[in-house]
Amino acid sequence: MTWLITGGAGYIGAHVVRAMTAAGEGAVVYDDLSTGIAERVPDGVPLVVGSTLDGERVARALADHGITGVVHLAAKKQVGESVEQPLRYYRENVEGLRVLLDAVTGAGVGAFVFSSSAAVYGMPDVDLVTEETPCVPLSPYGETKLAGEWLVRATGRAAGLSTACLRYFNVAGAAAPDLADVGVFNLVPMVFERLTHSAPPHVFGDDYPTPDGTCVRDYIHVVDLAEAHVAAARTLISSPGRALTLNIGRGEGVSVREMIDRINAVTGHDLPPEVAPRRPGDPARVVASAERAAAELGWKARHDVQDMITSAWQGWVRLHPEAARR
């Protein structure tokens, strides 16, 4: 099997590429490098620079490399930005997916793994989110991911394409320092950035109906997430005609305050958080039920929050050496 991995030069994508090649699968990276980093692509793995909106280039890449499956991660993913630029997000995330699927079905590719998100659920009022929990996304980003799932499943039914939609929860950590998340959009790097400047981390609201008043989230190590992609890809190949929709999380909730305490401990800082007003649309608790992924894929997360923070901090210090000196 040879898999085209769109967005394979990005933070999550680079981990997926390494997991796929380590498992003996062939990989080709397709990335426009708008946020991806070419140096993340391993030696021996071809890199095709292009947009998923360029149907001719996608089709050529599929043909030139004998692609038999696709893992689609390329997308815009900043919630706040999606509110400000909904047309851009629908164009990149939905139209880009439509163009890609058109090329995929035209080339006779048999398997398609789609990068979705827990953002499709919105503000679920349940202790554990299952795949049957109603999807009521709160942002254009979440809407594009839900629309993407619809498009993937409909195309699968019509074209006989095996599909898997993986709903990621909160991704953190790194397999190696050079693969660390370079963005500052998620909790862990946001706290790192504040600590690097000797500033107290921010907690957005401490009056939620949770044990310590702060939001509770399910964190998944990026290495575990990458291994879930390998498991999904292999399941689609071994069982043609499947249409899977799966949560990818640990099934364990950790509060924002608890995460900050753990980050302080790992980094050697002792800066208590500063409470800021709630952010609109933040649900009190979003924790996955990962039972279906275990049953369907034989996959389960192996890394804990300590692993995530420690590995992420090593990557952060590599990029920000001054952080270690504080």
C-alpha atoms as a PDB file:
ATOM      1  CA  MET A   1       0.000   0.000   0.000  1.00  0.00           C
ATOM      2  CA  THR A   2       1.085   3.538  -0.745  1.00  0.00           C
ATOM      3  CA  TRP A   3      -0.728   6.301   1.111  1.00  0.00           C
ATOM      4  CA  LEU A   4      -0.977   9.940   0.091  1.00  0.00           C
ATOM      5  CA  ILE A   5      -0.912  11.960   3.309  1.00  0.00           C
ATOM      6  CA  THR A   6      -2.214  15.460   2.790  1.00  0.00           C
ATOM      7  CA  GLY A   7      -0.867  17.932   5.324  1.00  0.00           C
ATOM      8  CA  GLY A   8       1.951  15.458   6.009  1.00  0.00           C
ATOM      9  CA  ALA A   9       4.457  18.240   6.733  1.00  0.00           C
ATOM     10  CA  GLY A  10       2.342  19.602   9.591  1.00  0.00           C
ATOM     11  CA  TYR A  11       2.494  18.825  13.306  1.00  0.00           C
ATOM     12  CA  ILE A  12       0.037  15.923  13.301  1.00  0.00           C
ATOM     13  CA  GLY A  13       0.772  14.957   9.706  1.00  0.00           C
ATOM     14  CA  ALA A  14       4.499  14.486  10.295  1.00  0.00           C
ATOM     15  CA  HIS A  15       3.716  12.067  13.120  1.00  0.00           C
ATOM     16  CA  VAL A  16       1.289  10.156  10.908  1.00  0.00           C
ATOM     17  CA  VAL A  17       3.910   9.866   8.160  1.00  0.00           C
ATOM     18  CA  ARG A  18       6.444   8.419  10.591  1.00  0.00           C
ATOM     19  CA  ALA A  19       3.921   6.019  12.082  1.00  0.00           C
ATOM     20  CA  MET A  20       2.876   4.793   8.657  1.00  0.00           C
ATOM     21  CA  THR A  21       6.431   4.252   7.429  1.00  0.00           C
ATOM     22  CA  ALA A  22       7.441   2.592  10.711  1.00  0.00           C
ATOM     23  CA  ALA A  23       4.555   0.176  10.165  1.00  0.00           C
ATOM     24  CA  GLY A  24       5.880  -0.696   6.719  1.00  0.00           C
ATOM     25  CA  GLU A  25       3.367   1.334   4.722  1.00  0.00           C
ATOM     26  CA  GLY A  26       4.454   3.444   1.762  1.00  0.00           C
ATOM     27  CA  ALA A  27       3.876   7.194   2.142  1.00  0.00           C
ATOM     28  CA  VAL A  28       3.830  10.266  -0.070  1.00  0.00           C
ATOM     29  CA  VAL A  29       3.315  13.725   1.446  1.00  0.00           C
ATOM     30  CA  TYR A  30       1.087  16.282  -0.267  1.00  0.00           C
ATOM     31  CA  ASP A  31       1.279  19.692   1.429  1.00  0.00           C
ATOM     32  CA  ASP A  32       1.033  23.332   0.367  1.00  0.00           C
ATOM     33  CA  LEU A  33       3.557  24.258   3.107  1.00  0.00           C
ATOM     34  CA  SER A  34       1.391  27.173   4.265  1.00  0.00           C
ATOM     35  CA  THR A  35       1.918  25.914   7.814  1.00  0.00           C
ATOM     36  CA  GLY A  36       3.795  22.680   7.174  1.00  0.00           C
ATOM     37  CA  ILE A  37       7.577  22.418   7.343  1.00  0.00           C
ATOM     38  CA  ALA A  38       9.344  20.554   4.531  1.00  0.00           C
ATOM     39  CA  GLU A  39      12.163  19.448   6.833  1.00  0.00           C
ATOM     40  CA  ARG A  40       9.688  17.318   8.788  1.00  0.00           C
ATOM     41  CA  VAL A  41       9.247  14.988   5.832  1.00  0.00           C
ATOM     42  CA  PRO A  42      11.587  11.999   6.324  1.00  0.00           C
ATOM     43  CA  ASP A  43      14.294  11.145   3.823  1.00  0.00           C
ATOM     44  CA  GLY A  44      12.955   8.771   1.222  1.00  0.00           C
ATOM     45  CA  VAL A  45       9.370  10.017   1.478  1.00  0.00           C
ATOM     46  CA  PRO A  46       8.367  12.025  -1.611  1.00  0.00           C
ATOM     47  CA  LEU A  47       6.974  15.525  -1.025  1.00  0.00           C
ATOM     48  CA  VAL A  48       4.534  17.018  -3.515  1.00  0.00           C
ATOM     49  CA  VAL A  49       3.940  20.713  -2.890  1.00  0.00           C
ATOM     50  CA  GLY A  50       0.405  21.669  -3.801  1.00  0.00           C
ATOM     51  CA  SER A  51      -3.079  22.619  -2.633  1.00  0.00           C
ATOM     52  CA  THR A  52      -5.982  20.205  -2.374  1.00  0.00           C
ATOM     53  CA  LEU A  53      -7.921  22.801  -4.359  1.00  0.00           C
ATOM     54  CA  ASP A  54      -5.704  22.004  -7.365  1.00  0.00           C
ATOM     55  CA  GLY A  55      -7.479  18.968  -8.755  1.00  0.00           C
ATOM     56  CA  GLU A  56      -5.077  18.417 -11.626  1.00  0.00           C
ATOM     57  CA  ARG A  57      -2.063  18.403  -9.325  1.00  0.00           C
ATOM     58  CA  VAL A  58      -3.770  16.021  -6.914  1.00  0.00           C
ATOM     59  CA  ALA A  59      -4.723  13.664  -9.748  1.00  0.00           C
ATOM     60  CA  ARG A  60      -1.176  13.737 -11.083  1.00  0.00           C
ATOM     61  CA  ALA A  61       0.252  12.928  -7.643  1.00  0.00           C
ATOM     62  CA  LEU A  62      -2.141   9.986  -7.269  1.00  0.00           C
ATOM     63  CA  ALA A  63      -1.121   8.600 -10.663  1.00  0.00           C
ATOM     64  CA  ASP A  64       2.604   9.315 -10.477  1.00  0.00           C
ATOM     65  CA  HIS A  65       3.012   7.561  -7.124  1.00  0.00           C
ATOM     66  CA  GLY A  66       0.546   4.696  -7.563  1.00  0.00           C
ATOM     67  CA  ILE A  67      -1.511   5.817  -4.569  1.00  0.00           C
ATOM     68  CA  THR A  68      -3.865   3.181  -3.149  1.00  0.00           C
ATOM     69  CA  GLY A  69      -5.122   5.049  -0.052  1.00  0.00           C
ATOM     70  CA  VAL A  70      -5.381   8.609   1.251  1.00  0.00           C
ATOM     71  CA  VAL A  71      -5.071  10.073   4.735  1.00  0.00           C
ATOM     72  CA  HIS A  72      -6.480  13.603   4.571  1.00  0.00           C
ATOM     73  CA  LEU A  73      -5.231  15.954   7.277  1.00  0.00           C
ATOM     74  CA  ALA A  74      -4.725  19.196   5.330  1.00  0.00           C
ATOM     75  CA  ALA A  75      -7.126  21.848   6.639  1.00  0.00           C
ATOM     76  CA  LYS A  76      -7.430  25.205   8.321  1.00  0.00           C
ATOM     77  CA  LYS A  77      -8.075  24.612  12.012  1.00  0.00           C
ATOM     78  CA  GLN A  78      -8.163  27.787  14.119  1.00  0.00           C
ATOM     79  CA  VAL A  79     -11.600  28.189  15.657  1.00  0.00           C
ATOM     80  CA  GLY A  80     -11.387  31.949  16.190  1.00  0.00           C
ATOM     81  CA  GLU A  81     -10.034  32.550  12.716  1.00  0.00           C
ATOM     82  CA  SER A  82     -12.867  30.495  11.259  1.00  0.00           C
ATOM     83  CA  VAL A  83     -15.389  32.847  12.876  1.00  0.00           C
ATOM     84  CA  GLU A  84     -13.658  35.805  11.230  1.00  0.00           C
ATOM     85  CA  GLN A  85     -13.102  34.089   7.876  1.00  0.00           C
ATOM     86  CA  PRO A  86     -15.886  31.561   7.312  1.00  0.00           C
ATOM     87  CA  LEU A  87     -15.693  31.738   3.506  1.00  0.00           C
ATOM     88  CA  ARG A  88     -11.998  30.862   3.590  1.00  0.00           C
ATOM     89  CA  TYR A  89     -12.632  27.919   5.909  1.00  0.00           C
ATOM     90  CA  TYR A  90     -15.448  26.505   3.803  1.00  0.00           C
ATOM     91  CA  ARG A  91     -13.327  26.906   0.672  1.00  0.00           C
ATOM     92  CA  GLU A  92     -10.202  25.275   2.115  1.00  0.00           C
ATOM     93  CA  ASN A  93     -11.838  22.587   4.250  1.00  0.00           C
ATOM     94  CA  VAL A  94     -14.956  21.649   2.293  1.00  0.00           C
ATOM     95  CA  GLU A  95     -14.219  22.580  -1.314  1.00  0.00           C
ATOM     96  CA  GLY A  96     -10.645  21.318  -0.937  1.00  0.00           C
ATOM     97  CA  LEU A  97     -12.043  18.008   0.307  1.00  0.00           C
ATOM     98  CA  ARG A  98     -14.551  17.829  -2.564  1.00  0.00           C
ATOM     99  CA  VAL A  99     -11.794  18.377  -5.130  1.00  0.00           C
ATOM    100  CA  LEU A 100      -9.622  15.766  -3.442  1.00  0.00           C
ATOM    101  CA  LEU A 101     -12.423  13.183  -3.334  1.00  0.00           C
ATOM    102  CA  ASP A 102     -13.190  13.822  -6.998  1.00  0.00           C
ATOM    103  CA  ALA A 103      -9.584  12.984  -7.864  1.00  0.00           C
ATOM    104  CA  VAL A 104      -9.544  10.012  -5.486  1.00  0.00           C
ATOM    105  CA  THR A 105     -12.651   8.384  -6.976  1.00  0.00           C
ATOM    106  CA  GLY A 106     -11.432   9.123 -10.495  1.00  0.00           C
ATOM    107  CA  ALA A 107      -8.160   7.330  -9.749  1.00  0.00           C
ATOM    108  CA  GLY A 108      -9.890   4.304  -8.237  1.00  0.00           C
ATOM    109  CA  VAL A 109      -8.289   4.740  -4.822  1.00  0.00           C
ATOM    110  CA  GLY A 110      -9.877   2.303  -2.375  1.00  0.00           C
ATOM    111  CA  ALA A 111      -9.475   3.790   1.128  1.00  0.00           C
ATOM    112  CA  PHE A 112      -9.838   7.242   2.645  1.00  0.00           C
ATOM    113  CA  VAL A 113      -9.079   8.326   6.231  1.00  0.00           C
ATOM    114  CA  PHE A 114     -10.461  11.762   7.146  1.00  0.00           C
ATOM    115  CA  SER A 115      -9.169  14.000   9.901  1.00  0.00           C
ATOM    116  CA  SER A 116     -12.242  15.219  11.783  1.00  0.00           C
ATOM    117  CA  SER A 117     -12.547  16.842  15.209  1.00  0.00           C
ATOM    118  CA  ALA A 118     -14.383  16.806  18.515  1.00  0.00           C
ATOM    119  CA  ALA A 119     -15.431  20.318  17.460  1.00  0.00           C
ATOM    120  CA  VAL A 120     -18.309  18.665  15.586  1.00  0.00           C
ATOM    121  CA  TYR A 121     -20.025  18.037  18.958  1.00  0.00           C
ATOM    122  CA  GLY A 122     -20.166  21.655  20.110  1.00  0.00           C
ATOM    123  CA  MET A 123     -21.233  21.795  23.774  1.00  0.00           C
ATOM    124  CA  PRO A 124     -22.275  18.225  24.645  1.00  0.00           C
ATOM    125  CA  ASP A 125     -24.073  17.916  27.978  1.00  0.00           C
ATOM    126  CA  VAL A 126     -22.847  14.395  28.753  1.00  0.00           C
ATOM    127  CA  ASP A 127     -20.084  12.881  30.879  1.00  0.00           C
ATOM    128  CA  LEU A 128     -18.660  10.867  27.986  1.00  0.00           C
ATOM    129  CA  VAL A 129     -19.123  11.811  24.349  1.00  0.00           C
ATOM    130  CA  THR A 130     -19.996   8.838  22.160  1.00  0.00           C
ATOM    131  CA  GLU A 131     -20.194   8.798  18.400  1.00  0.00           C
ATOM    132  CA  GLU A 132     -23.996   8.989  18.767  1.00  0.00           C
ATOM    133  CA  THR A 133     -23.870  12.220  20.766  1.00  0.00           C
ATOM    134  CA  PRO A 134     -25.655  14.906  18.694  1.00  0.00           C
ATOM    135  CA  CYS A 135     -23.348  17.065  16.586  1.00  0.00           C
ATOM    136  CA  VAL A 136     -24.054  20.784  17.057  1.00  0.00           C
ATOM    137  CA  PRO A 137     -20.819  22.590  16.122  1.00  0.00           C
ATOM    138  CA  LEU A 138     -20.313  26.099  17.463  1.00  0.00           C
ATOM    139  CA  SER A 139     -17.858  27.487  14.899  1.00  0.00           C
ATOM    140  CA  PRO A 140     -17.418  27.487  11.138  1.00  0.00           C
ATOM    141  CA  TYR A 141     -14.379  25.261  11.719  1.00  0.00           C
ATOM    142  CA  GLY A 142     -16.544  22.645  13.453  1.00  0.00           C
ATOM    143  CA  GLU A 143     -19.176  23.007  10.739  1.00  0.00           C
ATOM    144  CA  THR A 144     -16.623  22.337   8.004  1.00  0.00           C
ATOM    145  CA  LYS A 145     -15.467  19.188   9.774  1.00  0.00           C
ATOM    146  CA  LEU A 146     -19.029  17.907  10.125  1.00  0.00           C
ATOM    147  CA  ALA A 147     -19.805  18.767   6.495  1.00  0.00           C
ATOM    148  CA  GLY A 148     -16.571  16.985   5.576  1.00  0.00           C
ATOM    149  CA  GLU A 149     -17.755  13.832   7.322  1.00  0.00           C
ATOM    150  CA  TRP A 150     -21.035  13.960   5.407  1.00  0.00           C
ATOM    151  CA  LEU A 151     -19.160  14.359   2.128  1.00  0.00           C
ATOM    152  CA  VAL A 152     -16.720  11.542   2.899  1.00  0.00           C
ATOM    153  CA  ARG A 153     -19.448   9.092   3.888  1.00  0.00           C
ATOM    154  CA  ALA A 154     -21.697   9.989   0.937  1.00  0.00           C
ATOM    155  CA  THR A 155     -18.797   9.575  -1.491  1.00  0.00           C
ATOM    156  CA  GLY A 156     -17.897   6.267   0.107  1.00  0.00           C
ATOM    157  CA  ARG A 157     -21.415   4.943  -0.383  1.00  0.00           C
ATOM    158  CA  ALA A 158     -21.645   6.145  -3.963  1.00  0.00           C
ATOM    159  CA  ALA A 159     -18.172   5.115  -5.120  1.00  0.00           C
ATOM    160  CA  GLY A 160     -17.478   2.030  -3.034  1.00  0.00           C
ATOM    161  CA  LEU A 161     -14.728   3.859  -1.148  1.00  0.00           C
ATOM    162  CA  SER A 162     -13.833   2.534   2.313  1.00  0.00           C
ATOM    163  CA  THR A 163     -13.813   5.456   4.753  1.00  0.00           C
ATOM    164  CA  ALA A 164     -12.900   6.362   8.314  1.00  0.00           C
ATOM    165  CA  CYS A 165     -13.669   9.710   9.965  1.00  0.00           C
ATOM    166  CA  LEU A 166     -11.506  10.173  13.057  1.00  0.00           C
ATOM    167  CA  ARG A 167     -12.756  12.741  15.567  1.00  0.00           C
ATOM    168  CA  TYR A 168      -9.681  13.996  17.410  1.00  0.00           C
ATOM    169  CA  PHE A 169      -9.904  15.339  20.930  1.00  0.00           C
ATOM    170  CA  ASN A 170      -7.170  17.624  22.384  1.00  0.00           C
ATOM    171  CA  VAL A 171      -3.839  16.700  20.810  1.00  0.00           C
ATOM    172  CA  ALA A 172      -0.533  17.322  22.615  1.00  0.00           C
ATOM    173  CA  GLY A 173       3.019  16.007  22.913  1.00  0.00           C
ATOM    174  CA  ALA A 174       5.659  15.032  20.373  1.00  0.00           C
ATOM    175  CA  ALA A 175       7.511  11.915  19.278  1.00  0.00           C
ATOM    176  CA  ALA A 176      10.748  13.929  19.131  1.00  0.00           C
ATOM    177  CA  PRO A 177      11.682  17.562  19.816  1.00  0.00           C
ATOM    178  CA  ASP A 178      11.969  18.376  16.104  1.00  0.00           C
ATOM    179  CA  LEU A 179       8.346  17.304  15.585  1.00  0.00           C
ATOM    180  CA  ALA A 180       6.886  19.535  18.302  1.00  0.00           C
ATOM    181  CA  ASP A 181       3.875  21.753  17.704  1.00  0.00           C
ATOM    182  CA  VAL A 182       5.212  25.162  16.648  1.00  0.00           C
ATOM    183  CA  GLY A 183       1.808  26.871  16.887  1.00  0.00           C
ATOM    184  CA  VAL A 184       0.487  28.592  19.997  1.00  0.00           C
ATOM    185  CA  PHE A 185      -3.190  27.770  19.636  1.00  0.00           C
ATOM    186  CA  ASN A 186      -3.691  24.915  22.123  1.00  0.00           C
ATOM    187  CA  LEU A 187      -3.503  24.924  25.916  1.00  0.00           C
ATOM    188  CA  VAL A 188      -0.084  23.308  26.401  1.00  0.00           C
ATOM    189  CA  PRO A 189       1.947  25.610  24.080  1.00  0.00           C
ATOM    190  CA  MET A 190      -0.117  28.605  25.254  1.00  0.00           C
ATOM    191  CA  VAL A 191       0.963  27.903  28.846  1.00  0.00           C
ATOM    192  CA  PHE A 192       4.561  27.328  27.731  1.00  0.00           C
ATOM    193  CA  GLU A 193       4.596  30.719  26.025  1.00  0.00           C
ATOM    194  CA  ARG A 194       3.353  32.495  29.153  1.00  0.00           C
ATOM    195  CA  LEU A 195       5.858  30.725  31.387  1.00  0.00           C
ATOM    196  CA  THR A 196       8.706  31.524  28.997  1.00  0.00           C
ATOM    197  CA  HIS A 197       7.957  35.207  29.557  1.00  0.00           C
ATOM    198  CA  SER A 198       7.520  34.758  33.330  1.00  0.00           C
ATOM    199  CA  ALA A 199       3.834  35.524  32.971  1.00  0.00           C
ATOM    200  CA  PRO A 200       1.064  33.632  34.781  1.00  0.00           C
ATOM    201  CA  PRO A 201      -0.889  31.220  32.561  1.00  0.00           C
ATOM    202  CA  HIS A 202      -4.451  32.188  31.736  1.00  0.00           C
ATOM    203  CA  VAL A 203      -7.511  30.241  32.846  1.00  0.00           C
ATOM    204  CA  PHE A 204     -10.607  31.296  30.931  1.00  0.00           C
ATOM    205  CA  GLY A 205     -13.293  31.007  33.577  1.00  0.00           C
ATOM    206  CA  ASP A 206     -13.194  29.233  36.942  1.00  0.00           C
ATOM    207  CA  ASP A 207     -16.935  29.032  37.623  1.00  0.00           C
ATOM    208  CA  TYR A 208     -17.876  26.043  35.469  1.00  0.00           C
ATOM    209  CA  PRO A 209     -19.850  23.123  36.977  1.00  0.00           C
ATOM    210  CA  THR A 210     -16.702  20.988  37.296  1.00  0.00           C
ATOM    211  CA  PRO A 211     -14.759  19.823  40.385  1.00  0.00           C
ATOM    212  CA  ASP A 212     -12.369  22.810  40.367  1.00  0.00           C
ATOM    213  CA  GLY A 213     -14.466  25.233  38.317  1.00  0.00           C
ATOM    214  CA  THR A 214     -12.300  25.053  35.173  1.00  0.00           C
ATOM    215  CA  CYS A 215     -13.053  23.319  31.887  1.00  0.00           C
ATOM    216  CA  VAL A 216     -12.353  19.596  31.606  1.00  0.00           C
ATOM    217  CA  ARG A 217     -10.883  18.153  28.424  1.00  0.00           C
ATOM    218  CA  ASP A 218      -9.649  14.843  27.033  1.00  0.00           C
ATOM    219  CA  TYR A 219      -5.991  15.015  25.957  1.00  0.00           C
ATOM    220  CA  ILE A 220      -4.490  12.552  23.469  1.00  0.00           C
ATOM    221  CA  HIS A 221      -0.783  12.130  22.750  1.00  0.00           C
ATOM    222  CA  VAL A 222       0.021  12.837  19.108  1.00  0.00           C
ATOM    223  CA  VAL A 223       1.924   9.529  18.910  1.00  0.00           C
ATOM    224  CA  ASP A 224      -1.203   7.629  19.965  1.00  0.00           C
ATOM    225  CA  LEU A 225      -3.220   9.644  17.453  1.00  0.00           C
ATOM    226  CA  ALA A 226      -0.777   8.752  14.676  1.00  0.00           C
ATOM    227  CA  GLU A 227      -0.991   5.077  15.586  1.00  0.00           C
ATOM    228  CA  ALA A 228      -4.790   5.324  15.381  1.00  0.00           C
ATOM    229  CA  HIS A 229      -4.387   6.433  11.764  1.00  0.00           C
ATOM    230  CA  VAL A 230      -2.273   3.384  10.998  1.00  0.00           C
ATOM    231  CA  ALA A 231      -4.876   1.138  12.622  1.00  0.00           C
ATOM    232  CA  ALA A 232      -7.700   2.820  10.693  1.00  0.00           C
ATOM    233  CA  ALA A 233      -5.829   2.590   7.392  1.00  0.00           C
ATOM    234  CA  ARG A 234      -5.116  -1.094   7.849  1.00  0.00           C
ATOM    235  CA  THR A 235      -8.685  -1.817   8.935  1.00  0.00           C
ATOM    236  CA  LEU A 236     -10.051  -0.220   5.762  1.00  0.00           C
ATOM    237  CA  ILE A 237      -7.726  -2.305   3.612  1.00  0.00           C
ATOM    238  CA  SER A 238      -8.447  -5.576   5.408  1.00  0.00           C
ATOM    239  CA  SER A 239     -12.206  -4.961   5.469  1.00  0.00           C
ATOM    240  CA  PRO A 240     -13.246  -3.212   2.224  1.00  0.00           C
ATOM    241  CA  GLY A 241     -16.527  -1.319   2.240  1.00  0.00           C
ATOM    242  CA  ARG A 242     -16.254  -0.115   5.830  1.00  0.00           C
ATOM    243  CA  ALA A 243     -17.552   3.317   6.858  1.00  0.00           C
ATOM    244  CA  LEU A 244     -16.186   4.151  10.309  1.00  0.00           C
ATOM    245  CA  THR A 245     -16.738   7.216  12.483  1.00  0.00           C
ATOM    246  CA  LEU A 246     -14.616   7.093  15.618  1.00  0.00           C
ATOM    247  CA  ASN A 247     -13.628   9.206  18.594  1.00  0.00           C
ATOM    248  CA  ILE A 248      -9.873   9.311  19.164  1.00  0.00           C
ATOM    249  CA  GLY A 249      -9.266  10.172  22.802  1.00  0.00           C
ATOM    250  CA  ARG A 250      -8.227   8.625  26.104  1.00  0.00           C
ATOM    251  CA  GLY A 251     -11.597   8.669  27.845  1.00  0.00           C
ATOM    252  CA  GLU A 252     -10.107  10.583  30.780  1.00  0.00           C
ATOM    253  CA  GLY A 253     -10.854  14.178  31.672  1.00  0.00           C
ATOM    254  CA  VAL A 254      -8.247  16.634  32.969  1.00  0.00           C
ATOM    255  CA  SER A 255      -9.165  20.141  34.072  1.00  0.00           C
ATOM    256  CA  VAL A 256      -7.386  23.230  32.801  1.00  0.00           C
ATOM    257  CA  ARG A 257      -6.181  24.054  36.306  1.00  0.00           C
ATOM    258  CA  GLU A 258      -4.825  20.536  36.757  1.00  0.00           C
ATOM    259  CA  MET A 259      -3.013  20.731  33.423  1.00  0.00           C
ATOM    260  CA  ILE A 260      -1.403  24.023  34.415  1.00  0.00           C
ATOM    261  CA  ASP A 261      -0.296  22.558  37.739  1.00  0.00           C
ATOM    262  CA  ARG A 262       1.281  19.616  35.937  1.00  0.00           C
ATOM    263  CA  ILE A 263       2.969  21.884  33.395  1.00  0.00           C
ATOM    264  CA  ASN A 264       4.428  23.993  36.204  1.00  0.00           C
ATOM    265  CA  ALA A 265       5.814  20.845  37.820  1.00  0.00           C
ATOM    266  CA  VAL A 266       7.386  19.512  34.614  1.00  0.00           C
ATOM    267  CA  THR A 267       8.919  22.845  33.597  1.00  0.00           C
ATOM    268  CA  GLY A 268      10.159  23.808  37.046  1.00  0.00           C
ATOM    269  CA  HIS A 269       7.999  26.902  37.240  1.00  0.00           C
ATOM    270  CA  ASP A 270       5.695  27.955  40.030  1.00  0.00           C
ATOM    271  CA  LEU A 271       3.362  30.485  38.493  1.00  0.00           C
ATOM    272  CA  PRO A 272      -0.269  30.091  39.590  1.00  0.00           C
ATOM    273  CA  PRO A 273      -2.788  30.799  36.849  1.00  0.00           C
ATOM    274  CA  GLU A 274      -4.532  34.103  36.347  1.00  0.00           C
ATOM    275  CA  VAL A 275      -8.288  33.861  35.883  1.00  0.00           C
ATOM    276  CA  ALA A 276      -9.714  35.615  32.840  1.00  0.00           C
ATOM    277  CA  PRO A 277     -13.352  35.816  31.708  1.00  0.00           C
ATOM    278  CA  ARG A 278     -14.923  32.817  30.047  1.00  0.00           C
ATOM    279  CA  ARG A 279     -14.515  32.518  26.300  1.00  0.00           C
ATOM    280  CA  PRO A 280     -17.805  32.312  24.390  1.00  0.00           C
ATOM    281  CA  GLY A 281     -18.657  28.781  23.356  1.00  0.00           C
ATOM    282  CA  ASP A 282     -16.324  26.917  25.704  1.00  0.00           C
ATOM    283  CA  PRO A 283     -18.167  23.821  26.985  1.00  0.00           C
ATOM    284  CA  ALA A 284     -17.592  22.814  30.609  1.00  0.00           C
ATOM    285  CA  ARG A 285     -16.603  19.228  29.821  1.00  0.00           C
ATOM    286  CA  VAL A 286     -15.719  17.341  26.638  1.00  0.00           C
ATOM    287  CA  VAL A 287     -14.359  13.848  27.247  1.00  0.00           C
ATOM    288  CA  ALA A 288     -14.416  11.027  24.712  1.00  0.00           C
ATOM    289  CA  SER A 289     -15.735   7.549  24.934  1.00  0.00           C
ATOM    290  CA  ALA A 290     -13.017   5.650  23.058  1.00  0.00           C
ATOM    291  CA  GLU A 291     -14.650   2.242  23.297  1.00  0.00           C
ATOM    292  CA  ARG A 292     -15.699   2.066  19.660  1.00  0.00           C
ATOM    293  CA  ALA A 293     -12.170   2.819  18.422  1.00  0.00           C
ATOM    294  CA  ALA A 294     -10.852   0.026  20.644  1.00  0.00           C
ATOM    295  CA  ALA A 295     -13.441  -2.410  19.303  1.00  0.00           C
ATOM    296  CA  GLU A 296     -13.138  -1.475  15.633  1.00  0.00           C
ATOM    297  CA  LEU A 297      -9.407  -0.855  15.383  1.00  0.00           C
ATOM    298  CA  GLY A 298      -7.897  -2.804  18.248  1.00  0.00           C
ATOM    299  CA  TRP A 299      -6.331   0.516  19.241  1.00  0.00           C
ATOM    300  CA  LYS A 300      -5.970   2.183  22.616  1.00  0.00           C
ATOM    301  CA  ALA A 301      -4.002   5.227  23.774  1.00  0.00           C
ATOM    302  CA  ARG A 302      -0.793   4.276  25.600  1.00  0.00           C
ATOM    303  CA  HIS A 303       0.608   7.635  26.722  1.00  0.00           C
ATOM    304  CA  ASP A 304      -0.544   9.697  29.688  1.00  0.00           C
ATOM    305  CA  VAL A 305      -0.671  13.436  30.302  1.00  0.00           C
ATOM    306  CA  GLN A 306       2.789  13.419  31.883  1.00  0.00           C
ATOM    307  CA  ASP A 307       4.236  12.000  28.649  1.00  0.00           C
ATOM    308  CA  MET A 308       2.449  14.679  26.633  1.00  0.00           C
ATOM    309  CA  ILE A 309       3.719  17.582  28.716  1.00  0.00           C
ATOM    310  CA  THR A 310       7.294  16.286  29.018  1.00  0.00           C
ATOM    311  CA  SER A 311       7.712  15.610  25.307  1.00  0.00           C
ATOM    312  CA  ALA A 312       6.029  18.879  24.339  1.00  0.00           C
ATOM    313  CA  TRP A 313       8.308  20.832  26.696  1.00  0.00           C
ATOM    314  CA  GLN A 314      11.423  19.267  25.170  1.00  0.00           C
ATOM    315  CA  GLY A 315      10.270  20.456  21.765  1.00  0.00           C
ATOM    316  CA  TRP A 316       9.396  23.903  23.081  1.00  0.00           C
ATOM    317  CA  VAL A 317      12.838  24.350  24.667  1.00  0.00           C
ATOM    318  CA  ARG A 318      14.465  23.314  21.401  1.00  0.00           C
ATOM    319  CA  LEU A 319      12.671  26.187  19.666  1.00  0.00           C
ATOM    320  CA  HIS A 320      12.871  28.579  22.638  1.00  0.00           C
ATOM    321  CA  PRO A 321      16.156  27.924  24.489  1.00  0.00           C
ATOM    322  CA  GLU A 322      15.510  30.899  26.755  1.00  0.00           C
ATOM    323  CA  ALA A 323      12.594  28.992  28.299  1.00  0.00           C
ATOM    324  CA  ALA A 324      14.943  26.523  30.000  1.00  0.00           C
ATOM    325  CA  ARG A 325      16.965  29.297  31.611  1.00  0.00           C
ATOM    326  CA  ARG A 326      14.070  30.804  33.499  1.00  0.00           C
END
